Amino acid sequence: MNNALLKKVHQLCQGIDQIAMALLDRELLTINIFYPQEMELERLFSSNPEAYPPGGRKQKKGTPWGQHVLIEQKIFIGEGTEAIRQSFDDHETIERLGLQSIINVPISNHARCLGTLNILMTLPRVKPEHIETAQYLGALLQPGLITISRKQPQRRL
């Protein structure tokens, strides 16, 4: 992928992060690209690159979270440390950052998951308006992930 395109997508991600910070009091926002053949996510953007650097990968094959978000393309809401512990291998890092709730929004195009928008907060509970705002932010992110998915070579196992 060329640098100019990557820069534009990064600017889009930064804008979405700024909105999430203003409206949701987010403490961490990450955006992932989904590789369906491997059931793997690759971090495209992170508001905290020290803890969650871009380029980091997560394997989601055989996980309830992967089925729910990536295959069924449903929003995941995790509230409290136990819900986070059950769903994420990196729960210790999440807990160390003081994060207690998460909204994972699948970003899709023509019934195909392209990636996820992940918003983490210190609040123990997610409010309905947080979910609605996260969905709108995911919709804003869709054109950037469509562009990336078209420019990337198809990966195989």
N, C-alpha and C. Protein backbone atom coordinates (compact mmCIF):
# COMPACT_ATOMS: atom_id res chain seq x y z
N MET A 1 0.85 -1.17 0.00
CA MET A 1 0.00 0.00 0.00
C MET A 1 0.90 1.24 0.00
N ASN A 2 0.52 2.24 -0.78
CA ASN A 2 1.39 3.41 -0.87
C ASN A 2 1.27 4.29 0.37
N ASN A 3 2.32 5.07 0.62
CA ASN A 3 2.40 5.90 1.83
C ASN A 3 1.33 6.98 1.87
N ALA A 4 0.99 7.58 0.73
CA ALA A 4 -0.02 8.64 0.69
C ALA A 4 -1.38 8.10 1.13
N LEU A 5 -1.73 6.92 0.65
CA LEU A 5 -3.00 6.30 1.03
C LEU A 5 -3.00 5.96 2.52
N LEU A 6 -1.92 5.38 2.98
CA LEU A 6 -1.82 5.02 4.39
C LEU A 6 -1.92 6.26 5.28
N LYS A 7 -1.33 7.36 4.86
CA LYS A 7 -1.39 8.61 5.61
C LYS A 7 -2.84 9.12 5.70
N LYS A 8 -3.58 9.04 4.61
CA LYS A 8 -4.97 9.48 4.61
C LYS A 8 -5.82 8.62 5.55
N VAL A 9 -5.63 7.31 5.51
CA VAL A 9 -6.38 6.43 6.39
C VAL A 9 -6.00 6.70 7.85
N HIS A 10 -4.73 6.95 8.11
CA HIS A 10 -4.29 7.28 9.47
C HIS A 10 -4.94 8.58 9.95
N GLN A 11 -5.06 9.56 9.08
CA GLN A 11 -5.72 10.82 9.44
C GLN A 11 -7.19 10.58 9.78
N LEU A 12 -7.85 9.70 9.01
CA LEU A 12 -9.23 9.33 9.31
C LEU A 12 -9.31 8.70 10.70
N CYS A 13 -8.40 7.78 10.98
CA CYS A 13 -8.38 7.12 12.30
C CYS A 13 -8.16 8.13 13.42
N GLN A 14 -7.27 9.07 13.22
CA GLN A 14 -7.02 10.10 14.24
C GLN A 14 -8.27 10.94 14.48
N GLY A 15 -8.98 11.28 13.41
CA GLY A 15 -10.21 12.05 13.55
C GLY A 15 -11.26 11.30 14.34
N ILE A 16 -11.42 10.02 14.04
CA ILE A 16 -12.38 9.19 14.77
C ILE A 16 -11.98 9.10 16.24
N ASP A 17 -10.68 8.97 16.49
CA ASP A 17 -10.19 8.93 17.87
C ASP A 17 -10.51 10.22 18.62
N GLN A 18 -10.34 11.35 17.97
CA GLN A 18 -10.63 12.64 18.61
C GLN A 18 -12.12 12.75 18.97
N ILE A 19 -12.97 12.30 18.08
CA ILE A 19 -14.41 12.32 18.36
C ILE A 19 -14.73 11.39 19.53
N ALA A 20 -14.15 10.20 19.52
CA ALA A 20 -14.39 9.23 20.60
C ALA A 20 -13.91 9.79 21.94
N MET A 21 -12.79 10.50 21.92
CA MET A 21 -12.28 11.09 23.16
C MET A 21 -13.26 12.15 23.68
N ALA A 22 -13.77 12.97 22.77
CA ALA A 22 -14.67 14.05 23.17
C ALA A 22 -16.04 13.54 23.63
N LEU A 23 -16.59 12.55 22.93
CA LEU A 23 -17.96 12.12 23.21
C LEU A 23 -18.07 10.94 24.15
N LEU A 24 -17.04 10.11 24.22
CA LEU A 24 -17.13 8.87 24.99
C LEU A 24 -16.16 8.81 26.17
N ASP A 25 -15.31 9.81 26.31
CA ASP A 25 -14.27 9.76 27.34
C ASP A 25 -13.46 8.47 27.23
N ARG A 26 -13.15 8.09 26.02
CA ARG A 26 -12.40 6.86 25.81
C ARG A 26 -10.99 7.01 26.39
N GLU A 27 -10.47 5.91 26.88
CA GLU A 27 -9.09 5.89 27.36
C GLU A 27 -8.18 5.20 26.35
N LEU A 28 -8.76 4.32 25.54
CA LEU A 28 -7.98 3.62 24.51
C LEU A 28 -8.89 3.38 23.31
N LEU A 29 -8.38 3.64 22.13
CA LEU A 29 -9.09 3.34 20.90
C LEU A 29 -8.11 2.64 19.96
N THR A 30 -8.53 1.49 19.45
CA THR A 30 -7.73 0.80 18.45
C THR A 30 -8.62 0.46 17.26
N ILE A 31 -7.99 0.35 16.11
CA ILE A 31 -8.68 -0.02 14.88
C ILE A 31 -7.89 -1.16 14.26
N ASN A 32 -8.59 -2.25 13.95
CA ASN A 32 -7.95 -3.45 13.42
C ASN A 32 -8.45 -3.79 12.03
N ILE A 33 -7.57 -4.38 11.24
CA ILE A 33 -7.91 -4.97 9.95
C ILE A 33 -8.12 -6.47 10.19
N PHE A 34 -9.12 -7.04 9.55
CA PHE A 34 -9.43 -8.46 9.71
C PHE A 34 -8.99 -9.25 8.49
N TYR A 35 -8.28 -10.37 8.75
CA TYR A 35 -7.88 -11.32 7.72
C TYR A 35 -8.69 -12.60 7.93
N PRO A 36 -9.77 -12.78 7.17
CA PRO A 36 -10.69 -13.89 7.44
C PRO A 36 -10.09 -15.28 7.27
N GLN A 37 -9.17 -15.46 6.32
CA GLN A 37 -8.61 -16.80 6.12
C GLN A 37 -7.89 -17.29 7.38
N GLU A 38 -7.23 -16.37 8.06
CA GLU A 38 -6.48 -16.74 9.27
C GLU A 38 -7.27 -16.49 10.56
N MET A 39 -8.44 -15.82 10.44
CA MET A 39 -9.20 -15.37 11.62
C MET A 39 -8.27 -14.56 12.52
N GLU A 40 -7.58 -13.62 11.91
CA GLU A 40 -6.57 -12.83 12.60
C GLU A 40 -6.84 -11.34 12.40
N LEU A 41 -6.56 -10.58 13.44
CA LEU A 41 -6.66 -9.12 13.40
C LEU A 41 -5.27 -8.52 13.43
N GLU A 42 -5.11 -7.42 12.69
CA GLU A 42 -3.86 -6.66 12.73
C GLU A 42 -4.21 -5.22 13.08
N ARG A 43 -3.52 -4.70 14.09
CA ARG A 43 -3.78 -3.34 14.55
C ARG A 43 -3.28 -2.32 13.54
N LEU A 44 -4.20 -1.50 13.06
CA LEU A 44 -3.90 -0.45 12.11
C LEU A 44 -3.59 0.86 12.83
N PHE A 45 -4.32 1.12 13.92
CA PHE A 45 -4.20 2.38 14.66
C PHE A 45 -4.38 2.11 16.14
N SER A 46 -3.68 2.90 16.95
CA SER A 46 -3.82 2.83 18.40
C SER A 46 -3.62 4.21 19.00
N SER A 47 -4.49 4.57 19.91
CA SER A 47 -4.33 5.83 20.63
C SER A 47 -3.23 5.73 21.69
N ASN A 48 -2.81 4.50 21.99
CA ASN A 48 -1.73 4.26 22.95
C ASN A 48 -0.74 3.28 22.32
N PRO A 49 0.12 3.79 21.42
CA PRO A 49 1.02 2.89 20.69
C PRO A 49 2.09 2.22 21.57
N GLU A 50 2.32 2.73 22.76
CA GLU A 50 3.28 2.08 23.66
C GLU A 50 2.71 0.76 24.16
N ALA A 51 1.44 0.78 24.58
CA ALA A 51 0.80 -0.44 25.10
C ALA A 51 0.28 -1.33 23.97
N TYR A 52 -0.21 -0.70 22.90
CA TYR A 52 -0.81 -1.43 21.78
C TYR A 52 -0.27 -0.86 20.47
N PRO A 53 0.93 -1.29 20.07
CA PRO A 53 1.54 -0.73 18.86
C PRO A 53 0.84 -1.16 17.57
N PRO A 54 0.75 -0.23 16.60
CA PRO A 54 0.24 -0.62 15.28
C PRO A 54 1.09 -1.77 14.72
N GLY A 55 0.42 -2.66 14.02
CA GLY A 55 1.10 -3.84 13.47
C GLY A 55 0.96 -5.06 14.35
N GLY A 56 0.54 -4.87 15.60
CA GLY A 56 0.33 -6.02 16.48
C GLY A 56 -0.79 -6.89 15.97
N ARG A 57 -0.69 -8.18 16.23
CA ARG A 57 -1.67 -9.14 15.71
C ARG A 57 -2.32 -9.94 16.84
N LYS A 58 -3.57 -10.34 16.57
CA LYS A 58 -4.32 -11.17 17.51
C LYS A 58 -5.00 -12.28 16.73
N GLN A 59 -4.83 -13.49 17.22
CA GLN A 59 -5.47 -14.67 16.64
C GLN A 59 -6.84 -14.83 17.30
N LYS A 60 -7.90 -14.95 16.51
CA LYS A 60 -9.26 -15.06 17.04
C LYS A 60 -9.98 -16.33 16.61
N LYS A 61 -9.24 -17.26 15.99
CA LYS A 61 -9.83 -18.52 15.53
C LYS A 61 -10.34 -19.31 16.74
N GLY A 62 -11.59 -19.77 16.65
CA GLY A 62 -12.16 -20.61 17.69
C GLY A 62 -12.58 -19.90 18.95
N THR A 63 -12.60 -18.58 18.94
CA THR A 63 -12.99 -17.85 20.15
C THR A 63 -14.45 -17.40 20.05
N PRO A 64 -15.16 -17.39 21.17
CA PRO A 64 -16.54 -16.87 21.15
C PRO A 64 -16.59 -15.41 20.67
N TRP A 65 -15.60 -14.61 21.06
CA TRP A 65 -15.55 -13.21 20.63
C TRP A 65 -15.41 -13.14 19.10
N GLY A 66 -14.53 -13.95 18.52
CA GLY A 66 -14.34 -13.97 17.08
C GLY A 66 -15.61 -14.37 16.35
N GLN A 67 -16.28 -15.35 16.85
CA GLN A 67 -17.55 -15.78 16.25
C GLN A 67 -18.57 -14.65 16.30
N HIS A 68 -18.70 -14.02 17.46
CA HIS A 68 -19.70 -12.98 17.67
C HIS A 68 -19.42 -11.74 16.83
N VAL A 69 -18.19 -11.24 16.88
CA VAL A 69 -17.86 -9.96 16.23
C VAL A 69 -17.47 -10.13 14.78
N LEU A 70 -16.58 -11.06 14.50
CA LEU A 70 -16.01 -11.16 13.15
C LEU A 70 -16.86 -11.98 12.18
N ILE A 71 -17.49 -13.03 12.67
CA ILE A 71 -18.29 -13.89 11.81
C ILE A 71 -19.75 -13.43 11.76
N GLU A 72 -20.35 -13.26 12.95
CA GLU A 72 -21.75 -12.83 13.00
C GLU A 72 -21.90 -11.32 12.83
N GLN A 73 -20.80 -10.60 12.95
CA GLN A 73 -20.74 -9.15 12.78
C GLN A 73 -21.70 -8.41 13.71
N LYS A 74 -21.62 -8.79 14.98
CA LYS A 74 -22.43 -8.16 16.03
C LYS A 74 -21.51 -7.37 16.95
N ILE A 75 -22.03 -6.28 17.46
CA ILE A 75 -21.27 -5.47 18.42
C ILE A 75 -21.08 -6.27 19.71
N PHE A 76 -19.89 -6.16 20.28
CA PHE A 76 -19.60 -6.79 21.56
C PHE A 76 -19.48 -5.69 22.61
N ILE A 77 -20.17 -5.88 23.73
CA ILE A 77 -20.07 -4.98 24.87
C ILE A 77 -19.51 -5.79 26.03
N GLY A 78 -18.37 -5.36 26.55
CA GLY A 78 -17.77 -6.00 27.71
C GLY A 78 -17.79 -5.02 28.87
N GLU A 79 -18.45 -5.43 29.95
CA GLU A 79 -18.56 -4.55 31.11
C GLU A 79 -17.99 -5.24 32.34
N GLY A 80 -16.99 -4.60 32.93
CA GLY A 80 -16.36 -5.13 34.12
C GLY A 80 -15.16 -6.00 33.80
N THR A 81 -14.30 -6.15 34.78
CA THR A 81 -13.05 -6.88 34.56
C THR A 81 -13.27 -8.35 34.23
N GLU A 82 -14.32 -8.96 34.79
CA GLU A 82 -14.56 -10.38 34.52
C GLU A 82 -14.95 -10.60 33.06
N ALA A 83 -15.79 -9.75 32.51
CA ALA A 83 -16.18 -9.87 31.10
C ALA A 83 -14.96 -9.69 30.20
N ILE A 84 -14.11 -8.75 30.54
CA ILE A 84 -12.89 -8.51 29.76
C ILE A 84 -11.94 -9.70 29.88
N ARG A 85 -11.80 -10.24 31.08
CA ARG A 85 -10.93 -11.39 31.32
C ARG A 85 -11.38 -12.60 30.49
N GLN A 86 -12.68 -12.79 30.39
CA GLN A 86 -13.21 -13.94 29.66
C GLN A 86 -13.05 -13.82 28.15
N SER A 87 -12.93 -12.59 27.65
CA SER A 87 -12.95 -12.39 26.20
C SER A 87 -11.62 -12.04 25.56
N PHE A 88 -10.64 -11.60 26.37
CA PHE A 88 -9.40 -11.09 25.78
C PHE A 88 -8.16 -11.66 26.44
N ASP A 89 -7.24 -12.19 25.61
CA ASP A 89 -5.98 -12.72 26.12
C ASP A 89 -5.12 -11.65 26.78
N ASP A 90 -5.28 -10.42 26.34
CA ASP A 90 -4.48 -9.32 26.88
C ASP A 90 -5.18 -8.59 28.03
N HIS A 91 -6.04 -9.31 28.74
CA HIS A 91 -6.81 -8.70 29.83
C HIS A 91 -5.93 -8.08 30.91
N GLU A 92 -4.75 -8.63 31.13
CA GLU A 92 -3.87 -8.05 32.16
C GLU A 92 -3.43 -6.64 31.77
N THR A 93 -3.10 -6.44 30.51
CA THR A 93 -2.73 -5.10 30.03
C THR A 93 -3.92 -4.16 30.14
N ILE A 94 -5.09 -4.63 29.75
CA ILE A 94 -6.31 -3.82 29.84
C ILE A 94 -6.56 -3.41 31.29
N GLU A 95 -6.45 -4.36 32.19
CA GLU A 95 -6.66 -4.07 33.62
C GLU A 95 -5.60 -3.11 34.15
N ARG A 96 -4.35 -3.29 33.76
CA ARG A 96 -3.26 -2.42 34.20
C ARG A 96 -3.49 -0.97 33.77
N LEU A 97 -4.13 -0.79 32.62
CA LEU A 97 -4.45 0.55 32.13
C LEU A 97 -5.69 1.14 32.81
N GLY A 98 -6.32 0.35 33.69
CA GLY A 98 -7.49 0.84 34.42
C GLY A 98 -8.77 0.83 33.61
N LEU A 99 -8.81 0.03 32.56
CA LEU A 99 -9.97 -0.01 31.68
C LEU A 99 -10.96 -1.07 32.15
N GLN A 100 -12.23 -0.69 32.19
CA GLN A 100 -13.25 -1.59 32.74
C GLN A 100 -14.38 -1.92 31.78
N SER A 101 -14.43 -1.23 30.64
CA SER A 101 -15.48 -1.55 29.68
C SER A 101 -14.96 -1.38 28.26
N ILE A 102 -15.62 -2.09 27.35
CA ILE A 102 -15.18 -2.08 25.95
C ILE A 102 -16.38 -2.19 25.02
N ILE A 103 -16.28 -1.51 23.91
CA ILE A 103 -17.23 -1.64 22.81
C ILE A 103 -16.42 -2.04 21.59
N ASN A 104 -16.74 -3.19 21.00
CA ASN A 104 -16.10 -3.64 19.75
C ASN A 104 -17.14 -3.57 18.65
N VAL A 105 -16.87 -2.75 17.63
CA VAL A 105 -17.79 -2.58 16.51
C VAL A 105 -17.19 -3.22 15.27
N PRO A 106 -17.85 -4.24 14.71
CA PRO A 106 -17.36 -4.79 13.44
C PRO A 106 -17.62 -3.79 12.31
N ILE A 107 -16.63 -3.62 11.45
CA ILE A 107 -16.77 -2.74 10.29
C ILE A 107 -16.95 -3.65 9.08
N SER A 108 -18.08 -3.55 8.42
CA SER A 108 -18.42 -4.49 7.35
C SER A 108 -18.75 -3.77 6.05
N ASN A 109 -18.65 -4.54 4.98
CA ASN A 109 -19.05 -4.07 3.66
C ASN A 109 -19.57 -5.28 2.90
N HIS A 110 -20.81 -5.20 2.42
CA HIS A 110 -21.43 -6.30 1.68
C HIS A 110 -21.31 -7.62 2.44
N ALA A 111 -21.71 -7.59 3.71
CA ALA A 111 -21.74 -8.78 4.58
C ALA A 111 -20.37 -9.40 4.81
N ARG A 112 -19.30 -8.63 4.61
CA ARG A 112 -17.94 -9.11 4.85
C ARG A 112 -17.28 -8.20 5.89
N CYS A 113 -16.81 -8.80 6.97
CA CYS A 113 -16.14 -8.02 8.01
C CYS A 113 -14.77 -7.58 7.51
N LEU A 114 -14.50 -6.29 7.62
CA LEU A 114 -13.22 -5.72 7.19
C LEU A 114 -12.28 -5.48 8.36
N GLY A 115 -12.86 -5.28 9.53
CA GLY A 115 -12.05 -4.97 10.71
C GLY A 115 -12.94 -4.58 11.87
N THR A 116 -12.30 -4.02 12.89
CA THR A 116 -13.05 -3.64 14.10
C THR A 116 -12.59 -2.28 14.61
N LEU A 117 -13.54 -1.58 15.21
CA LEU A 117 -13.29 -0.37 15.98
C LEU A 117 -13.46 -0.78 17.44
N ASN A 118 -12.44 -0.49 18.26
CA ASN A 118 -12.43 -0.95 19.65
C ASN A 118 -12.26 0.26 20.57
N ILE A 119 -13.25 0.49 21.40
CA ILE A 119 -13.25 1.65 22.29
C ILE A 119 -13.28 1.14 23.72
N LEU A 120 -12.25 1.50 24.49
CA LEU A 120 -12.16 1.06 25.88
C LEU A 120 -12.24 2.26 26.81
N MET A 121 -12.95 2.08 27.92
CA MET A 121 -13.20 3.16 28.87
C MET A 121 -12.96 2.70 30.30
N THR A 122 -12.80 3.67 31.19
CA THR A 122 -12.63 3.36 32.61
C THR A 122 -13.97 3.12 33.30
N LEU A 123 -15.04 3.49 32.65
CA LEU A 123 -16.38 3.28 33.22
C LEU A 123 -16.67 1.78 33.33
N PRO A 124 -17.25 1.33 34.44
CA PRO A 124 -17.57 -0.09 34.56
C PRO A 124 -18.76 -0.52 33.70
N ARG A 125 -19.60 0.43 33.30
CA ARG A 125 -20.78 0.15 32.48
C ARG A 125 -20.80 1.05 31.25
N VAL A 126 -21.28 0.49 30.16
CA VAL A 126 -21.44 1.22 28.91
C VAL A 126 -22.87 1.74 28.83
N LYS A 127 -23.01 3.00 28.49
CA LYS A 127 -24.34 3.60 28.36
C LYS A 127 -24.87 3.36 26.94
N PRO A 128 -26.19 3.29 26.77
CA PRO A 128 -26.76 3.10 25.43
C PRO A 128 -26.27 4.14 24.42
N GLU A 129 -26.12 5.38 24.85
CA GLU A 129 -25.64 6.42 23.93
C GLU A 129 -24.19 6.20 23.52
N HIS A 130 -23.40 5.51 24.35
CA HIS A 130 -22.03 5.16 23.97
C HIS A 130 -22.04 4.16 22.80
N ILE A 131 -22.94 3.21 22.88
CA ILE A 131 -23.04 2.19 21.83
C ILE A 131 -23.47 2.84 20.52
N GLU A 132 -24.46 3.71 20.59
CA GLU A 132 -24.94 4.40 19.39
C GLU A 132 -23.83 5.25 18.77
N THR A 133 -23.09 5.98 19.58
CA THR A 133 -21.99 6.80 19.07
C THR A 133 -20.91 5.92 18.46
N ALA A 134 -20.59 4.80 19.09
CA ALA A 134 -19.58 3.89 18.56
C ALA A 134 -20.01 3.35 17.18
N GLN A 135 -21.29 3.05 17.02
CA GLN A 135 -21.79 2.58 15.72
C GLN A 135 -21.60 3.66 14.64
N TYR A 136 -21.90 4.89 14.97
CA TYR A 136 -21.71 5.98 14.01
C TYR A 136 -20.23 6.14 13.65
N LEU A 137 -19.37 6.03 14.64
CA LEU A 137 -17.93 6.14 14.37
C LEU A 137 -17.46 4.99 13.48
N GLY A 138 -18.01 3.81 13.70
CA GLY A 138 -17.68 2.67 12.85
C GLY A 138 -18.10 2.92 11.41
N ALA A 139 -19.26 3.54 11.23
CA ALA A 139 -19.73 3.85 9.87
C ALA A 139 -18.79 4.85 9.19
N LEU A 140 -18.27 5.80 9.95
CA LEU A 140 -17.31 6.77 9.39
C LEU A 140 -16.00 6.09 8.99
N LEU A 141 -15.66 5.05 9.69
CA LEU A 141 -14.40 4.34 9.43
C LEU A 141 -14.50 3.42 8.21
N GLN A 142 -15.69 3.02 7.84
CA GLN A 142 -15.88 2.03 6.77
C GLN A 142 -15.15 2.38 5.47
N PRO A 143 -15.24 3.61 4.93
CA PRO A 143 -14.54 3.88 3.66
C PRO A 143 -13.03 3.65 3.73
N GLY A 144 -12.42 3.98 4.85
CA GLY A 144 -10.98 3.75 5.00
C GLY A 144 -10.62 2.28 4.97
N LEU A 145 -11.41 1.45 5.66
CA LEU A 145 -11.12 0.02 5.67
C LEU A 145 -11.45 -0.63 4.33
N ILE A 146 -12.45 -0.12 3.63
CA ILE A 146 -12.73 -0.62 2.28
C ILE A 146 -11.53 -0.35 1.38
N THR A 147 -11.00 0.85 1.44
CA THR A 147 -9.84 1.22 0.63
C THR A 147 -8.65 0.33 0.93
N ILE A 148 -8.38 0.11 2.21
CA ILE A 148 -7.25 -0.75 2.59
C ILE A 148 -7.47 -2.18 2.11
N SER A 149 -8.68 -2.70 2.27
CA SER A 149 -8.94 -4.09 1.88
C SER A 149 -8.78 -4.29 0.38
N ARG A 150 -9.06 -3.27 -0.40
CA ARG A 150 -8.90 -3.37 -1.86
C ARG A 150 -7.43 -3.30 -2.27
N LYS A 151 -6.62 -2.61 -1.49
CA LYS A 151 -5.21 -2.41 -1.86
C LYS A 151 -4.29 -3.49 -1.34
N GLN A 152 -4.75 -4.25 -0.36
CA GLN A 152 -3.88 -5.27 0.23
C GLN A 152 -3.95 -6.56 -0.54
N PRO A 153 -2.82 -7.23 -0.70
CA PRO A 153 -2.86 -8.56 -1.33
C PRO A 153 -3.60 -9.52 -0.43
N GLN A 154 -4.31 -10.46 -1.03
CA GLN A 154 -5.02 -11.45 -0.25
C GLN A 154 -4.01 -12.38 0.42
N ARG A 155 -4.13 -12.51 1.73
CA ARG A 155 -3.22 -13.38 2.47
C ARG A 155 -3.78 -14.78 2.51
N ARG A 156 -2.92 -15.72 2.49
CA ARG A 156 -3.33 -17.13 2.57
C ARG A 156 -2.59 -17.80 3.73
N LEU A 157 -3.14 -18.90 4.19
CA LEU A 157 -2.49 -19.67 5.27
C LEU A 157 -1.20 -20.27 4.81
